[in-house]
Amino acid sequence: MLAIPINQDNSPEAVLDILCTLKVRDVMTHPILTARPSDTLRQIQQTMKKNRITGVPVTDTAGTLLGIVSMDDIISALDSGWIEDPAALHMTTKVIVLRDTMSLSFCVSYFNRFSFGRFPVLDGDDRVVGIVTASDVVSTLLVALNREMEKIEQTAPPEQGSAATAEGPGGERVIEFRTEPFNFEIAGQASTEIKKVLKAAGVDAAVSRRVGIASYELEINQVIHSSGGVMRYVITGDTLSIEARDRGPGIPDLEKAMTEGFSTATDRVRALGFGAGMGLPNTKRVSDSFSIESSASEGTVVRASFNLKGNKQ
């Protein structure tokens, strides 16, 4: 499958700005052709051939995603003799999806993480509103770069949305971002911005990458598991500290939560490509120091710190 050759840790600031600003709705193909579960695979194959497409989402009459039929499914049906069967019997039902409000950076990471040729796109009501291929992302990104590069490089950095920056009493730099449950309009922004701050300060790319991993994992955990919270970054001398504080519901068993692969993710979260149970273990692995506290009444607080002058061995 086609990956998208963009390194989000080391890309120029202009590219990072575009990845954060553009949304999935800006790159997706819409409206799209869909099939019903009663349609035969032969009918879907003919639709694919006529329209030169390689995948068709299967929906109910309300537009709710039930599955997807890909070219691989059609080939298997031809080989196995079930090409006249209804799609409901052989369609892929465990489908990774994107939300139309997600930033383009999610598209890039999904194509580089999963071996799929396309992702259905859902709106806030869980209805299929589009489909995204890697070529959609690349072509849109090239157009945006050609149009915006000069303007972005010659103007001041864009406003940081929900971020607040201040100077602490000891001269430290404090940056805060607020997160909201399932609000992918701003999800990932904190991680993108802190990497830009570190890059501007000349911090080694390997260190910035570790900070970016921890920041992203903690930020996404708040978005998909909590009632919202605050990502707080404090830079004091050669140390950066992250405090991720959310408003609940808390983690019942911290020992299990720190076990690789353990997850309480819902089907909704898993459909979005999350819930592998690696968020907190990954954060601890890349941090120089790590601590976590959680309760049902107070929510969860995760603290991670990094030496900006060195790299963890």
Protein backbone atom coordinates (compact mmCIF):
# COMPACT_ATOMS: atom_id res chain seq x y z
CA MET A 1 0.00 0.00 0.00
CA LEU A 2 1.07 3.58 -0.62
CA ALA A 3 2.56 5.31 2.43
CA ILE A 4 2.88 9.07 2.66
CA PRO A 5 6.56 10.11 2.82
CA ILE A 6 6.24 12.77 5.51
CA ASN A 7 8.16 12.66 8.79
CA GLN A 8 6.05 14.63 11.24
CA ASP A 9 8.94 14.88 13.68
CA ASN A 10 11.40 16.55 11.30
CA SER A 11 9.23 18.23 8.66
CA PRO A 12 9.59 21.98 8.01
CA GLU A 13 7.33 24.21 10.09
CA ALA A 14 5.33 25.19 7.01
CA VAL A 15 4.40 21.53 6.43
CA LEU A 16 3.46 21.02 10.08
CA ASP A 17 1.21 24.09 9.93
CA ILE A 18 -0.64 22.70 6.92
CA LEU A 19 -0.96 19.25 8.48
CA CYS A 20 -2.52 20.81 11.56
CA THR A 21 -4.73 23.34 9.73
CA LEU A 22 -6.26 21.21 6.98
CA LYS A 23 -8.98 18.78 8.01
CA VAL A 24 -9.99 15.38 6.70
CA ARG A 25 -13.08 17.01 5.17
CA ASP A 26 -10.71 19.14 3.04
CA VAL A 27 -9.09 16.10 1.39
CA MET A 28 -11.79 13.45 1.30
CA THR A 29 -13.71 12.47 -1.82
CA HIS A 30 -17.41 13.24 -1.50
CA PRO A 31 -20.13 12.47 -2.21
CA ILE A 32 -19.23 8.83 -2.59
CA LEU A 33 -20.71 5.64 -3.98
CA THR A 34 -21.97 3.22 -1.34
CA ALA A 35 -23.53 -0.23 -1.41
CA ARG A 36 -26.23 -1.94 0.63
CA PRO A 37 -25.63 -5.20 2.51
CA SER A 38 -28.08 -6.95 0.17
CA ASP A 39 -26.12 -5.94 -2.97
CA THR A 40 -24.18 -8.83 -4.47
CA LEU A 41 -20.41 -8.74 -4.72
CA ARG A 42 -20.89 -8.99 -8.50
CA GLN A 43 -22.91 -5.76 -8.47
CA ILE A 44 -20.25 -4.06 -6.35
CA GLN A 45 -17.51 -5.32 -8.67
CA GLN A 46 -19.34 -3.76 -11.62
CA THR A 47 -19.67 -0.48 -9.72
CA MET A 48 -15.94 -0.50 -9.01
CA LYS A 49 -15.06 -1.23 -12.62
CA LYS A 50 -17.41 1.41 -14.03
CA ASN A 51 -16.19 4.14 -11.68
CA ARG A 52 -12.54 3.03 -11.49
CA ILE A 53 -12.48 2.74 -7.72
CA THR A 54 -11.00 0.05 -5.47
CA GLY A 55 -13.28 0.13 -2.45
CA VAL A 56 -16.96 0.70 -1.64
CA PRO A 57 -18.38 1.35 1.86
CA VAL A 58 -21.47 -0.64 2.77
CA THR A 59 -24.11 1.36 4.65
CA ASP A 60 -27.70 1.10 5.80
CA THR A 61 -30.40 3.46 4.55
CA ALA A 62 -29.45 6.04 7.21
CA GLY A 63 -25.85 6.19 6.03
CA THR A 64 -24.41 4.28 9.00
CA LEU A 65 -21.26 2.34 8.10
CA LEU A 66 -21.70 -1.44 8.25
CA GLY A 67 -18.53 -2.53 6.46
CA ILE A 68 -16.46 -2.11 3.33
CA VAL A 69 -15.80 -4.16 0.20
CA SER A 70 -12.31 -3.81 -1.26
CA MET A 71 -10.72 -5.15 -4.43
CA ASP A 72 -9.12 -7.89 -2.32
CA ASP A 73 -12.61 -8.97 -1.21
CA ILE A 74 -13.74 -9.12 -4.84
CA ILE A 75 -10.72 -11.19 -5.86
CA SER A 76 -11.36 -13.60 -2.99
CA ALA A 77 -15.02 -13.87 -4.03
CA LEU A 78 -14.06 -14.68 -7.62
CA ASP A 79 -11.50 -17.26 -6.52
CA SER A 80 -13.84 -18.90 -4.01
CA GLY A 81 -17.03 -18.80 -6.06
CA TRP A 82 -19.13 -16.50 -3.91
CA ILE A 83 -19.22 -13.50 -6.24
CA GLU A 84 -23.05 -13.73 -6.40
CA ASP A 85 -23.40 -13.66 -2.58
CA PRO A 86 -24.68 -10.54 -0.81
CA ALA A 87 -22.03 -8.19 0.54
CA ALA A 88 -23.25 -8.74 4.10
CA LEU A 89 -21.77 -12.25 4.09
CA HIS A 90 -18.21 -11.34 3.07
CA MET A 91 -17.60 -7.61 3.58
CA THR A 92 -14.94 -6.43 6.01
CA THR A 93 -16.76 -5.33 9.16
CA LYS A 94 -13.87 -4.25 11.38
CA VAL A 95 -13.15 -0.97 9.64
CA ILE A 96 -10.77 1.77 10.79
CA VAL A 97 -12.37 5.15 10.14
CA LEU A 98 -11.46 8.82 10.22
CA ARG A 99 -13.60 11.71 11.47
CA ASP A 100 -14.21 14.62 9.12
CA THR A 101 -12.97 17.05 11.81
CA MET A 102 -9.60 15.33 12.29
CA SER A 103 -6.52 17.20 11.12
CA LEU A 104 -4.59 16.10 8.04
CA SER A 105 -1.84 14.87 10.35
CA PHE A 106 -4.14 12.04 11.40
CA CYS A 107 -4.54 11.02 7.73
CA VAL A 108 -0.78 10.89 7.30
CA SER A 109 -0.24 8.83 10.44
CA TYR A 110 -3.06 6.42 9.54
CA PHE A 111 -1.68 5.67 6.08
CA ASN A 112 1.80 5.16 7.49
CA ARG A 113 0.51 3.01 10.36
CA PHE A 114 -2.15 0.82 8.73
CA SER A 115 -1.86 -1.20 5.51
CA PHE A 116 -5.13 0.04 4.04
CA GLY A 117 -5.68 1.76 0.72
CA ARG A 118 -8.54 3.92 1.92
CA PHE A 119 -10.41 5.05 5.01
CA PRO A 120 -14.13 5.84 5.24
CA VAL A 121 -14.87 9.23 6.82
CA LEU A 122 -17.67 9.72 9.37
CA ASP A 123 -19.34 12.91 10.56
CA GLY A 124 -20.43 13.71 14.11
CA ASP A 125 -23.54 11.55 13.69
CA ASP A 126 -21.49 8.52 12.62
CA ARG A 127 -22.73 8.74 9.05
CA VAL A 128 -20.42 8.06 6.10
CA VAL A 129 -19.69 11.36 4.40
CA GLY A 130 -16.59 10.59 2.35
CA ILE A 131 -13.58 8.40 1.71
CA VAL A 132 -9.86 9.20 1.75
CA THR A 133 -7.02 7.60 -0.20
CA ALA A 134 -3.31 8.33 0.09
CA SER A 135 -3.35 10.03 -3.31
CA ASP A 136 -6.11 12.38 -2.05
CA VAL A 137 -3.85 13.44 0.81
CA VAL A 138 -0.71 13.86 -1.28
CA SER A 139 -2.41 15.87 -4.05
CA THR A 140 -4.17 18.16 -1.57
CA LEU A 141 -0.98 18.67 0.41
CA LEU A 142 1.00 19.59 -2.72
CA VAL A 143 -1.61 22.15 -3.75
CA ALA A 144 -1.68 23.64 -0.25
CA LEU A 145 2.11 23.80 -0.08
CA ASN A 146 2.37 25.55 -3.43
CA ARG A 147 -0.29 28.06 -2.39
CA GLU A 148 0.70 28.70 1.21
CA MET A 149 4.45 28.15 1.57
CA GLU A 150 5.59 31.67 0.87
CA LYS A 151 2.82 33.25 2.97
CA ILE A 152 3.44 30.98 5.95
CA GLU A 153 7.20 31.50 5.94
CA GLN A 154 6.90 35.29 5.74
CA THR A 155 4.29 35.78 8.45
CA ALA A 156 4.31 35.33 12.21
CA PRO A 157 3.49 31.90 13.62
CA PRO A 158 -0.25 31.21 13.57
CA GLU A 159 -2.37 31.66 16.64
CA GLN A 160 -2.20 28.53 18.81
CA GLY A 161 -5.93 27.99 19.22
CA SER A 162 -6.60 26.74 22.72
CA ALA A 163 -3.02 27.30 23.90
CA ALA A 164 -2.01 29.80 26.56
CA THR A 165 1.64 30.81 27.01
CA ALA A 166 3.05 32.57 30.06
CA GLU A 167 6.27 33.12 31.98
CA GLY A 168 6.43 31.60 35.45
CA PRO A 169 7.84 33.30 38.57
CA GLY A 170 11.20 31.61 38.13
CA GLY A 171 11.52 32.60 34.49
CA GLU A 172 10.25 29.27 33.20
CA ARG A 173 8.11 29.10 30.07
CA VAL A 174 4.64 27.67 30.60
CA ILE A 175 2.39 26.52 27.75
CA GLU A 176 -1.11 25.10 28.24
CA PHE A 177 -3.60 23.45 25.90
CA ARG A 178 -7.11 22.38 26.76
CA THR A 179 -8.56 19.16 25.39
CA GLU A 180 -12.17 18.12 24.91
CA PRO A 181 -13.66 14.63 24.61
CA PHE A 182 -13.67 13.39 21.00
CA ASN A 183 -12.90 16.88 19.69
CA PHE A 184 -10.53 15.98 16.86
CA GLU A 185 -10.71 19.55 15.56
CA ILE A 186 -7.92 20.41 18.02
CA ALA A 187 -6.60 16.95 18.93
CA GLY A 188 -2.89 16.65 18.26
CA GLN A 189 -2.36 20.40 18.24
CA ALA A 190 -0.55 20.48 21.57
CA SER A 191 1.95 17.86 20.41
CA THR A 192 2.55 19.66 17.13
CA GLU A 193 3.11 23.01 18.81
CA ILE A 194 5.49 21.76 21.50
CA LYS A 195 7.65 20.06 18.84
CA LYS A 196 7.79 23.37 16.95
CA VAL A 197 8.86 25.17 20.14
CA LEU A 198 11.65 22.66 20.74
CA LYS A 199 12.80 22.79 17.13
CA ALA A 200 13.00 26.59 17.28
CA ALA A 201 15.07 26.28 20.46
CA GLY A 202 17.56 23.98 18.74
CA VAL A 203 16.73 20.91 20.82
CA ASP A 204 18.15 17.68 19.39
CA ALA A 205 15.68 15.92 17.07
CA ALA A 206 15.91 12.66 19.04
CA VAL A 207 14.88 14.43 22.24
CA SER A 208 12.09 16.31 20.46
CA ARG A 209 10.84 13.01 19.09
CA ARG A 210 10.60 11.50 22.59
CA VAL A 211 8.74 14.56 23.85
CA GLY A 212 6.44 14.39 20.84
CA ILE A 213 5.61 10.73 21.46
CA ALA A 214 4.78 11.28 25.13
CA SER A 215 2.82 14.44 24.41
CA TYR A 216 0.77 12.83 21.66
CA GLU A 217 -0.03 9.72 23.70
CA LEU A 218 -1.15 11.75 26.72
CA GLU A 219 -3.12 14.23 24.65
CA ILE A 220 -4.98 11.54 22.69
CA ASN A 221 -5.68 9.63 25.90
CA GLN A 222 -7.49 12.71 27.22
CA VAL A 223 -9.45 13.13 24.00
CA ILE A 224 -10.69 9.54 23.73
CA HIS A 225 -10.85 8.37 27.36
CA SER A 226 -11.63 11.37 29.56
CA SER A 227 -14.10 14.20 29.98
CA GLY A 228 -11.44 16.64 28.81
CA GLY A 229 -8.48 18.22 30.53
CA VAL A 230 -5.32 20.29 30.29
CA MET A 231 -1.91 19.59 28.77
CA ARG A 232 0.63 21.76 30.62
CA TYR A 233 4.24 22.15 29.49
CA VAL A 234 6.88 23.84 31.66
CA ILE A 235 10.34 24.56 30.29
CA THR A 236 12.86 25.39 33.01
CA GLY A 237 16.45 25.65 31.87
CA ASP A 238 17.32 22.32 30.26
CA THR A 239 14.23 20.49 31.53
CA LEU A 240 10.77 20.15 30.02
CA SER A 241 7.96 18.83 32.19
CA ILE A 242 4.58 17.67 30.93
CA GLU A 243 1.57 17.55 33.23
CA ALA A 244 -1.52 15.94 31.69
CA ARG A 245 -4.48 16.49 34.00
CA ASP A 246 -8.00 15.35 33.07
CA ARG A 247 -11.44 15.47 34.65
CA GLY A 248 -12.10 11.77 34.86
CA PRO A 249 -13.46 9.12 34.92
CA GLY A 250 -10.21 7.89 36.44
CA ILE A 251 -8.32 4.63 36.00
CA PRO A 252 -9.54 1.79 38.27
CA ASP A 253 -6.35 -0.27 38.10
CA LEU A 254 -3.12 1.62 37.44
CA GLU A 255 -1.02 -1.54 37.36
CA LYS A 256 -3.12 -2.98 34.54
CA ALA A 257 -3.18 0.38 32.74
CA MET A 258 0.63 0.36 32.66
CA THR A 259 0.70 -3.13 31.12
CA GLU A 260 1.43 -3.14 27.39
CA GLY A 261 -1.60 -4.22 25.41
CA PHE A 262 -4.15 -3.72 28.20
CA SER A 263 -6.99 -1.48 27.08
CA THR A 264 -10.50 -0.52 28.13
CA ALA A 265 -11.17 1.11 24.75
CA THR A 266 -14.72 0.97 23.42
CA ASP A 267 -15.60 -0.24 19.93
CA ARG A 268 -15.99 3.43 18.95
CA VAL A 269 -12.41 4.17 20.04
CA ARG A 270 -11.03 1.06 18.32
CA ALA A 271 -12.80 1.98 15.09
CA LEU A 272 -10.80 5.22 15.13
CA GLY A 273 -7.55 3.26 15.22
CA PHE A 274 -6.83 3.76 18.92
CA GLY A 275 -7.09 1.49 21.94
CA ALA A 276 -3.99 -0.69 21.48
CA GLY A 277 -3.12 -0.27 25.14
CA MET A 278 0.29 1.29 24.48
CA GLY A 279 -0.31 4.95 25.35
CA LEU A 280 0.85 5.04 28.98
CA PRO A 281 3.59 2.38 28.55
CA ASN A 282 4.96 4.32 25.56
CA THR A 283 4.93 7.54 27.55
CA LYS A 284 6.84 5.98 30.44
CA ARG A 285 9.32 4.34 28.05
CA VAL A 286 10.37 7.59 26.38
CA SER A 287 10.36 9.80 29.51
CA ASP A 288 13.30 10.51 31.80
CA SER A 289 10.91 10.48 34.75
CA PHE A 290 7.26 9.44 34.94
CA SER A 291 4.48 9.34 37.52
CA ILE A 292 0.72 8.80 37.45
CA GLU A 293 -2.11 9.35 39.93
CA SER A 294 -5.77 8.58 39.35
CA SER A 295 -9.11 8.43 41.14
CA ALA A 296 -12.74 8.38 40.09
CA SER A 297 -13.40 11.69 41.86
CA GLU A 298 -10.26 13.62 40.91
CA GLY A 299 -9.48 12.23 37.46
CA THR A 300 -5.98 11.36 36.28
CA VAL A 301 -2.71 13.28 36.47
CA VAL A 302 0.31 12.08 34.51
CA ARG A 303 3.68 13.81 34.86
CA ALA A 304 6.63 13.20 32.55
CA SER A 305 9.90 15.11 32.34
CA PHE A 306 12.76 15.30 29.84
CA ASN A 307 16.36 16.47 29.84
CA LEU A 308 16.51 18.68 26.75
CA LYS A 309 20.30 18.43 26.55
CA GLY A 310 20.56 14.67 26.38
CA ASN A 311 18.96 11.59 24.89
CA LYS A 312 17.69 8.62 26.85
CA GLN A 313 19.82 5.53 26.37
